[in-house]
N, C-alpha and C. Protein backbone atom coordinates (compact mmCIF):
# COMPACT_ATOMS: atom_id res chain seq x y z
N MET A 1 -4.21 12.86 16.33
CA MET A 1 -3.65 12.48 15.06
C MET A 1 -2.34 11.74 15.27
N VAL A 2 -2.28 10.52 14.83
CA VAL A 2 -1.07 9.72 14.98
C VAL A 2 -0.08 10.04 13.87
N GLY A 3 -0.54 10.11 12.64
CA GLY A 3 0.32 10.44 11.52
C GLY A 3 1.05 9.23 10.96
N LEU A 4 1.90 9.50 10.01
CA LEU A 4 2.72 8.49 9.36
C LEU A 4 4.16 8.70 9.80
N ALA A 5 5.02 7.82 9.38
CA ALA A 5 6.43 7.94 9.74
C ALA A 5 7.29 8.09 8.50
N VAL A 6 8.39 8.79 8.68
CA VAL A 6 9.39 8.98 7.64
C VAL A 6 10.46 7.91 7.83
N ASP A 7 10.90 7.31 6.74
CA ASP A 7 12.02 6.36 6.82
C ASP A 7 13.31 7.17 6.87
N HIS A 8 13.80 7.41 8.08
CA HIS A 8 14.99 8.25 8.27
C HIS A 8 16.28 7.56 7.83
N ASN A 9 16.21 6.29 7.47
CA ASN A 9 17.38 5.63 6.89
C ASN A 9 17.56 6.05 5.43
N ILE A 10 16.47 6.49 4.81
CA ILE A 10 16.52 6.93 3.41
C ILE A 10 16.43 8.44 3.31
N PHE A 11 15.43 9.03 3.97
CA PHE A 11 15.19 10.47 3.87
C PHE A 11 15.96 11.19 4.97
N LYS A 12 17.10 11.73 4.56
CA LYS A 12 18.01 12.42 5.48
C LYS A 12 18.90 13.34 4.65
N PRO A 13 19.53 14.31 5.30
CA PRO A 13 20.47 15.15 4.55
C PRO A 13 21.64 14.32 4.02
N LEU A 14 21.96 14.52 2.77
CA LEU A 14 23.07 13.84 2.13
C LEU A 14 24.11 14.88 1.73
N ASN A 15 25.32 14.47 1.55
CA ASN A 15 26.38 15.39 1.12
C ASN A 15 26.32 15.58 -0.39
N ILE A 16 25.28 16.32 -0.82
CA ILE A 16 25.06 16.58 -2.25
C ILE A 16 24.99 18.09 -2.41
N ASP A 17 25.68 18.62 -3.40
CA ASP A 17 25.58 20.05 -3.68
C ASP A 17 24.19 20.37 -4.21
N LYS A 18 23.59 21.39 -3.64
CA LYS A 18 22.29 21.84 -4.13
C LYS A 18 22.48 22.58 -5.44
N LYS A 19 21.56 22.36 -6.36
CA LYS A 19 21.60 23.07 -7.63
C LYS A 19 21.08 24.49 -7.42
N GLU A 20 21.52 25.38 -8.25
CA GLU A 20 21.03 26.75 -8.19
C GLU A 20 19.62 26.83 -8.77
N LYS A 21 18.74 27.51 -8.06
CA LYS A 21 17.41 27.84 -8.54
C LYS A 21 16.64 26.63 -9.06
N THR A 22 16.52 25.59 -8.25
CA THR A 22 15.75 24.42 -8.65
C THR A 22 14.69 24.10 -7.60
N GLY A 23 13.56 23.65 -8.08
CA GLY A 23 12.49 23.22 -7.20
C GLY A 23 12.05 21.83 -7.55
N LEU A 24 11.54 21.11 -6.56
CA LEU A 24 11.01 19.77 -6.78
C LEU A 24 9.53 19.80 -6.44
N TYR A 25 8.73 19.17 -7.29
CA TYR A 25 7.28 19.21 -7.20
C TYR A 25 6.72 17.82 -7.41
N PHE A 26 5.86 17.36 -6.48
CA PHE A 26 5.19 16.07 -6.62
C PHE A 26 3.98 16.29 -7.51
N TYR A 27 4.07 15.85 -8.77
CA TYR A 27 3.02 16.13 -9.75
C TYR A 27 1.98 15.03 -9.79
N ARG A 28 0.73 15.46 -9.67
CA ARG A 28 -0.43 14.61 -9.92
C ARG A 28 -1.46 15.51 -10.59
N ASN A 29 -2.01 15.05 -11.68
CA ASN A 29 -2.95 15.86 -12.44
C ASN A 29 -4.37 15.62 -11.93
N GLY A 30 -4.64 16.08 -10.73
CA GLY A 30 -5.97 15.96 -10.16
C GLY A 30 -6.36 17.26 -9.48
N TYR A 31 -7.64 17.52 -9.41
CA TYR A 31 -8.14 18.77 -8.86
C TYR A 31 -7.57 19.05 -7.47
N LEU A 32 -7.58 18.08 -6.58
CA LEU A 32 -7.14 18.30 -5.20
C LEU A 32 -5.63 18.57 -5.10
N LYS A 33 -4.86 18.16 -6.09
CA LYS A 33 -3.41 18.42 -6.07
C LYS A 33 -3.09 19.79 -6.66
N ASN A 34 -4.06 20.42 -7.34
CA ASN A 34 -3.99 21.81 -7.77
C ASN A 34 -2.77 22.14 -8.65
N PRO A 35 -2.51 21.35 -9.69
CA PRO A 35 -1.35 21.65 -10.54
C PRO A 35 -1.47 22.99 -11.28
N SER A 36 -2.68 23.49 -11.47
CA SER A 36 -2.83 24.77 -12.17
C SER A 36 -2.17 25.90 -11.38
N MET A 37 -2.15 25.82 -10.06
CA MET A 37 -1.49 26.84 -9.24
C MET A 37 0.01 26.84 -9.53
N MET A 38 0.61 25.66 -9.61
CA MET A 38 2.05 25.58 -9.88
C MET A 38 2.34 26.00 -11.31
N ARG A 39 1.45 25.63 -12.24
CA ARG A 39 1.63 26.02 -13.64
C ARG A 39 1.67 27.55 -13.77
N GLU A 40 0.81 28.23 -13.06
CA GLU A 40 0.79 29.70 -13.09
C GLU A 40 2.00 30.28 -12.36
N ALA A 41 2.40 29.67 -11.26
CA ALA A 41 3.54 30.18 -10.49
C ALA A 41 4.83 30.10 -11.31
N ILE A 42 5.02 29.03 -12.04
CA ILE A 42 6.28 28.85 -12.78
C ILE A 42 6.43 29.93 -13.84
N LYS A 43 5.32 30.43 -14.36
CA LYS A 43 5.36 31.52 -15.34
C LYS A 43 5.91 32.81 -14.73
N LEU A 44 5.79 32.95 -13.42
CA LEU A 44 6.24 34.15 -12.72
C LEU A 44 7.70 34.07 -12.27
N MET A 45 8.37 32.93 -12.60
CA MET A 45 9.73 32.71 -12.12
C MET A 45 10.69 32.37 -13.26
N PRO A 46 10.99 33.32 -14.12
CA PRO A 46 11.93 33.02 -15.22
C PRO A 46 13.29 32.63 -14.65
N GLY A 47 13.87 31.62 -15.23
CA GLY A 47 15.18 31.15 -14.78
C GLY A 47 15.12 30.13 -13.67
N PHE A 48 13.94 29.89 -13.12
CA PHE A 48 13.78 28.89 -12.06
C PHE A 48 13.44 27.57 -12.71
N ASN A 49 14.18 26.52 -12.37
CA ASN A 49 13.96 25.20 -12.96
C ASN A 49 13.14 24.33 -12.02
N LEU A 50 12.00 23.86 -12.51
CA LEU A 50 11.13 22.98 -11.74
C LEU A 50 11.29 21.56 -12.23
N TYR A 51 11.57 20.66 -11.31
CA TYR A 51 11.63 19.23 -11.59
C TYR A 51 10.44 18.58 -10.91
N SER A 52 9.85 17.59 -11.56
CA SER A 52 8.71 16.91 -10.97
C SER A 52 9.02 15.42 -10.81
N TYR A 53 8.24 14.81 -9.94
CA TYR A 53 8.28 13.36 -9.82
C TYR A 53 6.86 12.87 -9.63
N GLY A 54 6.63 11.61 -9.91
CA GLY A 54 5.31 11.03 -9.79
C GLY A 54 5.14 9.92 -10.80
N GLN A 55 3.89 9.68 -11.18
CA GLN A 55 3.60 8.62 -12.13
C GLN A 55 3.25 9.14 -13.52
N ALA A 56 3.18 10.46 -13.65
CA ALA A 56 2.84 11.07 -14.95
C ALA A 56 3.75 12.26 -15.20
N SER A 57 3.98 12.55 -16.47
CA SER A 57 4.81 13.70 -16.85
C SER A 57 4.07 15.00 -16.61
N CYS A 58 4.81 15.96 -16.12
CA CYS A 58 4.30 17.30 -15.85
C CYS A 58 4.75 18.19 -17.01
N SER A 59 3.80 18.75 -17.75
CA SER A 59 4.13 19.51 -18.96
C SER A 59 4.88 20.80 -18.68
N PHE A 60 4.78 21.35 -17.47
CA PHE A 60 5.44 22.62 -17.18
C PHE A 60 6.73 22.44 -16.39
N ALA A 61 7.15 21.20 -16.16
CA ALA A 61 8.41 20.94 -15.47
C ALA A 61 9.54 20.83 -16.49
N LYS A 62 10.73 21.25 -16.09
CA LYS A 62 11.90 21.13 -16.97
C LYS A 62 12.29 19.67 -17.14
N GLU A 63 12.12 18.91 -16.07
CA GLU A 63 12.54 17.50 -16.07
C GLU A 63 11.54 16.71 -15.24
N ASN A 64 11.17 15.51 -15.73
CA ASN A 64 10.24 14.63 -15.02
C ASN A 64 10.96 13.36 -14.58
N HIS A 65 10.67 12.94 -13.37
CA HIS A 65 11.22 11.69 -12.83
C HIS A 65 10.04 10.79 -12.51
N LEU A 66 9.88 9.74 -13.32
CA LEU A 66 8.70 8.89 -13.22
C LEU A 66 9.01 7.58 -12.51
N ASN A 67 8.08 7.19 -11.63
CA ASN A 67 8.13 5.90 -10.94
C ASN A 67 9.51 5.63 -10.33
N ILE A 68 9.99 6.56 -9.53
CA ILE A 68 11.32 6.43 -8.94
C ILE A 68 11.26 5.74 -7.58
N THR A 69 12.39 5.26 -7.14
CA THR A 69 12.47 4.62 -5.82
C THR A 69 12.58 5.69 -4.73
N ASP A 70 12.37 5.29 -3.50
CA ASP A 70 12.53 6.22 -2.39
C ASP A 70 13.96 6.77 -2.31
N SER A 71 14.94 5.94 -2.59
CA SER A 71 16.33 6.40 -2.56
C SER A 71 16.59 7.45 -3.64
N GLN A 72 16.02 7.25 -4.82
CA GLN A 72 16.15 8.24 -5.89
C GLN A 72 15.43 9.54 -5.51
N LEU A 73 14.28 9.40 -4.86
CA LEU A 73 13.54 10.58 -4.41
C LEU A 73 14.33 11.36 -3.37
N ALA A 74 14.94 10.66 -2.44
CA ALA A 74 15.76 11.33 -1.41
C ALA A 74 16.91 12.09 -2.07
N GLN A 75 17.51 11.52 -3.10
CA GLN A 75 18.57 12.21 -3.84
C GLN A 75 18.04 13.49 -4.48
N LEU A 76 16.88 13.41 -5.13
CA LEU A 76 16.28 14.58 -5.76
C LEU A 76 15.94 15.65 -4.72
N MET A 77 15.39 15.23 -3.59
CA MET A 77 15.04 16.18 -2.54
C MET A 77 16.28 16.89 -2.01
N ASN A 78 17.37 16.17 -1.88
CA ASN A 78 18.61 16.77 -1.40
C ASN A 78 19.22 17.72 -2.41
N LYS A 79 19.00 17.49 -3.69
CA LYS A 79 19.56 18.36 -4.73
C LYS A 79 18.74 19.65 -4.90
N ALA A 80 17.46 19.60 -4.59
CA ALA A 80 16.57 20.73 -4.85
C ALA A 80 16.82 21.88 -3.88
N SER A 81 16.64 23.09 -4.37
CA SER A 81 16.72 24.28 -3.51
C SER A 81 15.48 24.41 -2.65
N VAL A 82 14.35 23.88 -3.15
CA VAL A 82 13.07 24.00 -2.45
C VAL A 82 12.13 22.88 -2.92
N PHE A 83 11.27 22.43 -2.01
CA PHE A 83 10.22 21.47 -2.33
C PHE A 83 8.89 22.22 -2.28
N ILE A 84 8.06 22.05 -3.32
CA ILE A 84 6.82 22.80 -3.41
C ILE A 84 5.62 21.86 -3.53
N SER A 85 4.58 22.15 -2.73
CA SER A 85 3.33 21.40 -2.79
C SER A 85 2.18 22.40 -2.94
N THR A 86 1.24 22.11 -3.85
CA THR A 86 0.13 23.03 -4.11
C THR A 86 -1.24 22.41 -3.83
N SER A 87 -1.30 21.37 -3.05
CA SER A 87 -2.57 20.66 -2.81
C SER A 87 -3.62 21.54 -2.16
N ILE A 88 -4.86 21.32 -2.55
CA ILE A 88 -6.00 21.96 -1.92
C ILE A 88 -6.36 21.21 -0.64
N HIS A 89 -6.20 19.88 -0.67
CA HIS A 89 -6.52 19.05 0.49
C HIS A 89 -5.50 17.92 0.58
N GLU A 90 -5.10 17.61 1.79
CA GLU A 90 -4.23 16.47 2.07
C GLU A 90 -4.76 15.76 3.30
N GLY A 91 -4.62 14.45 3.32
CA GLY A 91 -4.93 13.72 4.54
C GLY A 91 -3.79 13.90 5.52
N PHE A 92 -2.60 13.59 5.07
CA PHE A 92 -1.35 13.76 5.82
C PHE A 92 -0.26 13.70 4.76
N CYS A 93 0.39 14.80 4.51
CA CYS A 93 1.30 14.91 3.36
C CYS A 93 2.71 14.43 3.70
N LEU A 94 2.93 13.14 3.56
CA LEU A 94 4.22 12.55 3.85
C LEU A 94 5.37 13.14 3.02
N PRO A 95 5.17 13.47 1.73
CA PRO A 95 6.29 14.06 0.98
C PRO A 95 6.85 15.33 1.60
N LEU A 96 6.01 16.13 2.24
CA LEU A 96 6.52 17.34 2.91
C LEU A 96 7.48 16.96 4.04
N LEU A 97 7.10 15.97 4.83
CA LEU A 97 7.97 15.52 5.92
C LEU A 97 9.25 14.90 5.38
N GLU A 98 9.16 14.17 4.28
CA GLU A 98 10.35 13.57 3.69
C GLU A 98 11.30 14.66 3.21
N ALA A 99 10.76 15.71 2.59
CA ALA A 99 11.62 16.83 2.17
C ALA A 99 12.25 17.50 3.37
N MET A 100 11.47 17.72 4.43
CA MET A 100 12.01 18.31 5.65
C MET A 100 13.13 17.44 6.22
N ALA A 101 12.92 16.13 6.23
CA ALA A 101 13.94 15.21 6.75
C ALA A 101 15.23 15.29 5.94
N CYS A 102 15.12 15.61 4.66
CA CYS A 102 16.30 15.75 3.78
C CYS A 102 16.98 17.10 3.94
N GLY A 103 16.38 17.99 4.71
CA GLY A 103 16.97 19.32 4.87
C GLY A 103 16.65 20.25 3.73
N THR A 104 15.53 20.02 3.06
CA THR A 104 15.11 20.86 1.95
C THR A 104 14.00 21.80 2.40
N PRO A 105 14.14 23.11 2.18
CA PRO A 105 13.07 24.03 2.55
C PRO A 105 11.77 23.71 1.81
N VAL A 106 10.65 23.90 2.49
CA VAL A 106 9.35 23.53 1.96
C VAL A 106 8.46 24.76 1.79
N ILE A 107 7.79 24.81 0.63
CA ILE A 107 6.72 25.77 0.38
C ILE A 107 5.46 24.93 0.16
N THR A 108 4.39 25.26 0.88
CA THR A 108 3.17 24.48 0.75
C THR A 108 1.94 25.35 0.93
N THR A 109 0.83 24.82 0.49
CA THR A 109 -0.44 25.50 0.68
C THR A 109 -0.99 25.18 2.07
N LYS A 110 -2.04 25.88 2.43
CA LYS A 110 -2.64 25.71 3.75
C LYS A 110 -3.69 24.59 3.73
N ALA A 111 -3.41 23.51 3.05
CA ALA A 111 -4.32 22.36 3.03
C ALA A 111 -4.43 21.79 4.44
N ALA A 112 -5.62 21.36 4.82
CA ALA A 112 -5.89 20.92 6.18
C ALA A 112 -4.88 19.88 6.67
N GLY A 113 -4.56 18.90 5.86
CA GLY A 113 -3.63 17.86 6.28
C GLY A 113 -2.22 18.37 6.49
N ASN A 114 -1.85 19.44 5.80
CA ASN A 114 -0.51 20.01 5.98
C ASN A 114 -0.40 20.74 7.31
N GLU A 115 -1.49 21.33 7.75
CA GLU A 115 -1.47 22.14 8.96
C GLU A 115 -1.31 21.32 10.24
N ILE A 116 -1.30 20.00 10.11
CA ILE A 116 -1.05 19.13 11.26
C ILE A 116 0.36 19.35 11.79
N PHE A 117 1.32 19.54 10.87
CA PHE A 117 2.71 19.68 11.30
C PHE A 117 3.44 20.87 10.67
N CYS A 118 2.83 21.53 9.70
CA CYS A 118 3.45 22.68 9.04
C CYS A 118 3.14 23.97 9.81
N ILE A 119 4.17 24.73 10.10
CA ILE A 119 4.02 26.01 10.79
C ILE A 119 4.68 27.07 9.92
N ASP A 120 3.85 27.99 9.43
CA ASP A 120 4.32 29.02 8.52
C ASP A 120 5.46 29.83 9.12
N ASN A 121 6.51 30.00 8.32
CA ASN A 121 7.68 30.79 8.67
C ASN A 121 8.50 30.19 9.81
N VAL A 122 8.18 28.95 10.16
CA VAL A 122 8.96 28.22 11.17
C VAL A 122 9.63 27.02 10.51
N ASN A 123 8.81 26.07 9.98
CA ASN A 123 9.40 24.91 9.30
C ASN A 123 9.03 24.86 7.81
N CYS A 124 8.29 25.87 7.34
CA CYS A 124 7.90 25.95 5.93
C CYS A 124 7.39 27.36 5.66
N LEU A 125 7.11 27.63 4.40
CA LEU A 125 6.41 28.85 4.03
C LEU A 125 5.07 28.41 3.45
N MET A 126 3.97 28.93 3.99
CA MET A 126 2.64 28.56 3.52
C MET A 126 2.12 29.66 2.60
N VAL A 127 1.56 29.22 1.47
CA VAL A 127 1.13 30.14 0.42
C VAL A 127 -0.31 29.86 0.00
N GLU A 128 -0.90 30.85 -0.67
CA GLU A 128 -2.29 30.70 -1.12
C GLU A 128 -2.49 31.05 -2.59
N SER A 129 -1.43 31.45 -3.28
CA SER A 129 -1.60 31.87 -4.68
C SER A 129 -0.30 31.63 -5.45
N PRO A 130 -0.40 31.64 -6.79
CA PRO A 130 0.82 31.53 -7.59
C PRO A 130 1.82 32.65 -7.29
N GLN A 131 1.32 33.85 -7.06
CA GLN A 131 2.20 34.99 -6.75
C GLN A 131 2.94 34.74 -5.44
N GLU A 132 2.25 34.19 -4.45
CA GLU A 132 2.89 33.90 -3.17
C GLU A 132 3.93 32.79 -3.30
N ILE A 133 3.69 31.83 -4.19
CA ILE A 133 4.71 30.80 -4.45
C ILE A 133 5.96 31.46 -5.00
N ALA A 134 5.80 32.30 -6.01
CA ALA A 134 6.95 32.98 -6.63
C ALA A 134 7.70 33.82 -5.59
N GLU A 135 6.98 34.53 -4.74
CA GLU A 135 7.62 35.34 -3.70
C GLU A 135 8.36 34.46 -2.70
N ALA A 136 7.75 33.33 -2.32
CA ALA A 136 8.38 32.42 -1.35
C ALA A 136 9.64 31.79 -1.94
N VAL A 137 9.60 31.42 -3.22
CA VAL A 137 10.79 30.86 -3.87
C VAL A 137 11.91 31.89 -3.86
N LYS A 138 11.57 33.13 -4.20
CA LYS A 138 12.59 34.20 -4.22
C LYS A 138 13.22 34.35 -2.84
N LYS A 139 12.41 34.33 -1.79
CA LYS A 139 12.93 34.45 -0.43
C LYS A 139 13.89 33.31 -0.12
N ILE A 140 13.50 32.10 -0.47
CA ILE A 140 14.35 30.94 -0.18
C ILE A 140 15.66 31.01 -0.96
N LEU A 141 15.61 31.50 -2.18
CA LEU A 141 16.82 31.58 -2.99
C LEU A 141 17.76 32.71 -2.57
N THR A 142 17.25 33.65 -1.77
CA THR A 142 18.08 34.82 -1.43
C THR A 142 18.32 35.03 0.07
N ASP A 143 17.58 34.37 0.93
CA ASP A 143 17.67 34.63 2.37
C ASP A 143 18.23 33.42 3.12
N GLU A 144 19.54 33.42 3.34
CA GLU A 144 20.20 32.29 3.99
C GLU A 144 19.73 32.07 5.43
N ILE A 145 19.40 33.15 6.14
CA ILE A 145 18.93 33.02 7.52
C ILE A 145 17.57 32.32 7.54
N LEU A 146 16.69 32.71 6.63
CA LEU A 146 15.38 32.05 6.51
C LEU A 146 15.56 30.57 6.19
N VAL A 147 16.42 30.26 5.23
CA VAL A 147 16.65 28.87 4.83
C VAL A 147 17.16 28.06 6.01
N LYS A 148 18.11 28.59 6.75
CA LYS A 148 18.64 27.86 7.92
C LYS A 148 17.53 27.56 8.92
N ARG A 149 16.66 28.55 9.20
CA ARG A 149 15.56 28.34 10.14
C ARG A 149 14.60 27.27 9.63
N LEU A 150 14.21 27.37 8.36
CA LEU A 150 13.28 26.39 7.79
C LEU A 150 13.88 24.99 7.80
N VAL A 151 15.15 24.89 7.43
CA VAL A 151 15.81 23.57 7.38
C VAL A 151 15.95 22.99 8.78
N ASP A 152 16.47 23.76 9.72
CA ASP A 152 16.66 23.25 11.08
C ASP A 152 15.34 22.83 11.71
N ASN A 153 14.32 23.67 11.59
CA ASN A 153 13.02 23.35 12.17
C ASN A 153 12.32 22.23 11.40
N GLY A 154 12.56 22.15 10.10
CA GLY A 154 12.00 21.06 9.31
C GLY A 154 12.56 19.72 9.72
N ILE A 155 13.86 19.67 9.93
CA ILE A 155 14.49 18.41 10.38
C ILE A 155 13.95 18.03 11.75
N THR A 156 13.82 18.99 12.64
CA THR A 156 13.26 18.71 13.98
C THR A 156 11.83 18.18 13.86
N THR A 157 11.03 18.80 13.00
CA THR A 157 9.66 18.34 12.79
C THR A 157 9.64 16.91 12.26
N ALA A 158 10.44 16.63 11.24
CA ALA A 158 10.48 15.29 10.66
C ALA A 158 10.93 14.25 11.68
N ASN A 159 11.84 14.65 12.57
CA ASN A 159 12.31 13.72 13.61
C ASN A 159 11.19 13.30 14.56
N ASN A 160 10.12 14.09 14.65
CA ASN A 160 8.97 13.71 15.47
C ASN A 160 8.13 12.61 14.82
N TYR A 161 8.46 12.29 13.58
CA TYR A 161 7.71 11.27 12.85
C TYR A 161 8.62 10.10 12.47
N GLN A 162 9.33 9.59 13.46
CA GLN A 162 10.12 8.37 13.28
C GLN A 162 9.23 7.19 13.65
N TRP A 163 9.53 6.03 13.11
CA TRP A 163 8.66 4.87 13.32
C TRP A 163 8.44 4.57 14.80
N GLY A 164 9.45 4.67 15.62
CA GLY A 164 9.28 4.37 17.04
C GLY A 164 8.27 5.27 17.71
N SER A 165 8.38 6.58 17.50
CA SER A 165 7.45 7.51 18.16
C SER A 165 6.04 7.40 17.58
N VAL A 166 5.91 7.15 16.29
CA VAL A 166 4.59 7.01 15.68
C VAL A 166 3.90 5.75 16.19
N THR A 167 4.62 4.64 16.27
CA THR A 167 3.99 3.42 16.79
C THR A 167 3.66 3.55 18.27
N ASP A 168 4.49 4.27 19.02
CA ASP A 168 4.17 4.53 20.43
C ASP A 168 2.86 5.30 20.55
N ARG A 169 2.67 6.33 19.70
CA ARG A 169 1.43 7.10 19.74
C ARG A 169 0.24 6.24 19.34
N LEU A 170 0.43 5.37 18.35
CA LEU A 170 -0.66 4.48 17.92
C LEU A 170 -1.03 3.52 19.06
N GLU A 171 -0.05 2.93 19.71
CA GLU A 171 -0.33 2.03 20.83
C GLU A 171 -1.06 2.76 21.95
N GLU A 172 -0.68 3.99 22.20
CA GLU A 172 -1.34 4.79 23.24
C GLU A 172 -2.82 4.99 22.90
N VAL A 173 -3.10 5.31 21.64
CA VAL A 173 -4.49 5.50 21.21
C VAL A 173 -5.25 4.19 21.33
N LEU A 174 -4.67 3.09 20.89
CA LEU A 174 -5.35 1.79 20.91
C LEU A 174 -5.60 1.31 22.36
N CYS A 175 -4.69 1.61 23.24
CA CYS A 175 -4.84 1.17 24.63
C CYS A 175 -5.93 1.95 25.36
N ARG A 176 -6.25 3.14 24.90
CA ARG A 176 -7.31 3.95 25.52
C ARG A 176 -8.70 3.40 25.17
N GLN A 177 -8.77 2.57 24.15
CA GLN A 177 -10.09 2.09 23.69
C GLN A 177 -10.66 1.03 24.58
């Protein structure tokens, strides 16, 4: 698997204060993106503010950010306490790597494409239910040691997906043919 690359000129830790109890969610209203899981999870987290981004408004998010630029997305990722993905299937989930590159802890499902680079309790928390999302959010909001581990390992993971290393891997694959 060669993978995609993160634009580390845009997606990086910024000197922005994180908001209290906020999550960022890439919203798409399709079966494979599994928004019903997030809709149920948010009901279990009173006082937790979910912000979404994408091309459509998310009815269960406090705030929607539509058709934003990568720079605006990097700002949102840096402000969020946690980035959450609920996909059933992913080819290769670049938004997770972008959040990791920004130093934002990640909660994600065990979708096949995520398991290429996501390691549970190392660079993210992997969940399978709305209840597990709520529990993972609580851990991230209360456990500074866990957050430091997820952030540090997430940044290291994202650094493995810089354009130079990804193109080197692609050239290696093409030269073997």
